[in-house]
Amino acid sequence: MYYGPELVSGRLMEWAAKHQIHIQHIQPGKPQQNAYVERFNRTVRYEWLSQHYWESINEVQEFATQWMYK
């Protein structure tokens, strides 16, 4: 079963409201407002995703898990 972004984001917003969590969005076109995540994404892309040839998504997930726990 495929859950598109509209369904996922709707459910996330419902869950957050139920748990009294305020979701704060960055402004469109302003990635510097979320610099920590942008830096993490860049690190993942350039330091290991683009430097290896992957056989499967499972291999990527296993590598990511090991990388996070080092």
C-alpha atoms as a PDB file:
ATOM      1  CA  MET A   1       0.000   0.000   0.000  1.00  0.00           C
ATOM      2  CA  TYR A   2       1.342   3.433  -0.958  1.00  0.00           C
ATOM      3  CA  TYR A   3       0.858   6.418   1.304  1.00  0.00           C
ATOM      4  CA  GLY A   4       1.395   9.666  -0.578  1.00  0.00           C
ATOM      5  CA  PRO A   5       2.816  12.803   1.011  1.00  0.00           C
ATOM      6  CA  GLU A   6      -0.637  14.367   1.442  1.00  0.00           C
ATOM      7  CA  LEU A   7      -1.882  11.440   3.539  1.00  0.00           C
ATOM      8  CA  VAL A   8       1.341  11.186   5.532  1.00  0.00           C
ATOM      9  CA  SER A   9       1.491  14.912   6.292  1.00  0.00           C
ATOM     10  CA  GLY A  10      -2.185  14.949   7.241  1.00  0.00           C
ATOM     11  CA  ARG A  11      -1.705  12.075   9.652  1.00  0.00           C
ATOM     12  CA  LEU A  12       1.418  13.697  11.071  1.00  0.00           C
ATOM     13  CA  MET A  13      -0.498  16.922  11.740  1.00  0.00           C
ATOM     14  CA  GLU A  14      -3.330  14.970  13.411  1.00  0.00           C
ATOM     15  CA  TRP A  15      -0.865  13.034  15.579  1.00  0.00           C
ATOM     16  CA  ALA A  16       0.981  16.221  16.561  1.00  0.00           C
ATOM     17  CA  ALA A  17      -2.238  18.008  17.505  1.00  0.00           C
ATOM     18  CA  LYS A  18      -3.373  14.999  19.563  1.00  0.00           C
ATOM     19  CA  HIS A  19      -0.067  15.073  21.473  1.00  0.00           C
ATOM     20  CA  GLN A  20      -0.055  18.882  21.788  1.00  0.00           C
ATOM     21  CA  ILE A  21       3.007  19.240  19.558  1.00  0.00           C
ATOM     22  CA  HIS A  22       3.343  22.400  17.463  1.00  0.00           C
ATOM     23  CA  ILE A  23       4.765  21.760  13.989  1.00  0.00           C
ATOM     24  CA  GLN A  24       6.827  24.691  12.772  1.00  0.00           C
ATOM     25  CA  HIS A  25       7.612  24.958   9.063  1.00  0.00           C
ATOM     26  CA  ILE A  26      10.419  26.875   7.420  1.00  0.00           C
ATOM     27  CA  GLN A  27       9.588  29.443   4.763  1.00  0.00           C
ATOM     28  CA  PRO A  28       9.724  28.142   1.177  1.00  0.00           C
ATOM     29  CA  GLY A  29      13.107  28.884  -0.387  1.00  0.00           C
ATOM     30  CA  LYS A  30      14.783  29.495   2.978  1.00  0.00           C
ATOM     31  CA  PRO A  31      16.848  26.364   3.719  1.00  0.00           C
ATOM     32  CA  GLN A  32      19.142  28.386   6.008  1.00  0.00           C
ATOM     33  CA  GLN A  33      16.278  28.409   8.529  1.00  0.00           C
ATOM     34  CA  ASN A  34      16.927  24.703   8.957  1.00  0.00           C
ATOM     35  CA  ALA A  35      20.711  24.714   8.644  1.00  0.00           C
ATOM     36  CA  TYR A  36      21.305  21.675  10.887  1.00  0.00           C
ATOM     37  CA  VAL A  37      19.169  19.368   8.731  1.00  0.00           C
ATOM     38  CA  GLU A  38      20.495  20.876   5.505  1.00  0.00           C
ATOM     39  CA  ARG A  39      24.067  20.195   6.668  1.00  0.00           C
ATOM     40  CA  PHE A  40      23.169  16.637   7.639  1.00  0.00           C
ATOM     41  CA  ASN A  41      21.546  16.024   4.237  1.00  0.00           C
ATOM     42  CA  ARG A  42      24.614  17.402   2.459  1.00  0.00           C
ATOM     43  CA  THR A  43      26.909  15.194   4.527  1.00  0.00           C
ATOM     44  CA  VAL A  44      24.863  12.095   3.729  1.00  0.00           C
ATOM     45  CA  ARG A  45      24.737  12.902   0.007  1.00  0.00           C
ATOM     46  CA  TYR A  46      28.372  13.819  -0.525  1.00  0.00           C
ATOM     47  CA  GLU A  47      30.262  11.839   2.099  1.00  0.00           C
ATOM     48  CA  TRP A  48      28.780   8.427   1.486  1.00  0.00           C
ATOM     49  CA  LEU A  49      25.772   8.162  -0.821  1.00  0.00           C
ATOM     50  CA  SER A  50      27.643   9.457  -3.854  1.00  0.00           C
ATOM     51  CA  GLN A  51      30.857   7.578  -3.025  1.00  0.00           C
ATOM     52  CA  HIS A  52      29.521   4.038  -3.148  1.00  0.00           C
ATOM     53  CA  TYR A  53      27.749   1.801  -5.636  1.00  0.00           C
ATOM     54  CA  TRP A  54      24.698   0.334  -3.965  1.00  0.00           C
ATOM     55  CA  GLU A  55      23.158  -3.013  -4.858  1.00  0.00           C
ATOM     56  CA  SER A  56      19.848  -2.441  -3.056  1.00  0.00           C
ATOM     57  CA  ILE A  57      17.944  -0.118  -0.777  1.00  0.00           C
ATOM     58  CA  ASN A  58      18.535  -2.628   2.027  1.00  0.00           C
ATOM     59  CA  GLU A  59      22.275  -2.183   1.606  1.00  0.00           C
ATOM     60  CA  VAL A  60      21.886   1.608   1.870  1.00  0.00           C
ATOM     61  CA  GLN A  61      19.737   1.266   4.992  1.00  0.00           C
ATOM     62  CA  GLU A  62      22.244  -1.072   6.638  1.00  0.00           C
ATOM     63  CA  PHE A  63      25.131   1.272   5.834  1.00  0.00           C
ATOM     64  CA  ALA A  64      23.162   4.274   7.164  1.00  0.00           C
ATOM     65  CA  THR A  65      22.387   2.458  10.400  1.00  0.00           C
ATOM     66  CA  GLN A  66      26.019   1.519  10.950  1.00  0.00           C
ATOM     67  CA  TRP A  67      27.141   5.058  10.078  1.00  0.00           C
ATOM     68  CA  MET A  68      24.727   6.630  12.579  1.00  0.00           C
ATOM     69  CA  TYR A  69      25.876   4.430  15.449  1.00  0.00           C
ATOM     70  CA  LYS A  70      29.628   4.959  14.965  1.00  0.00           C
END
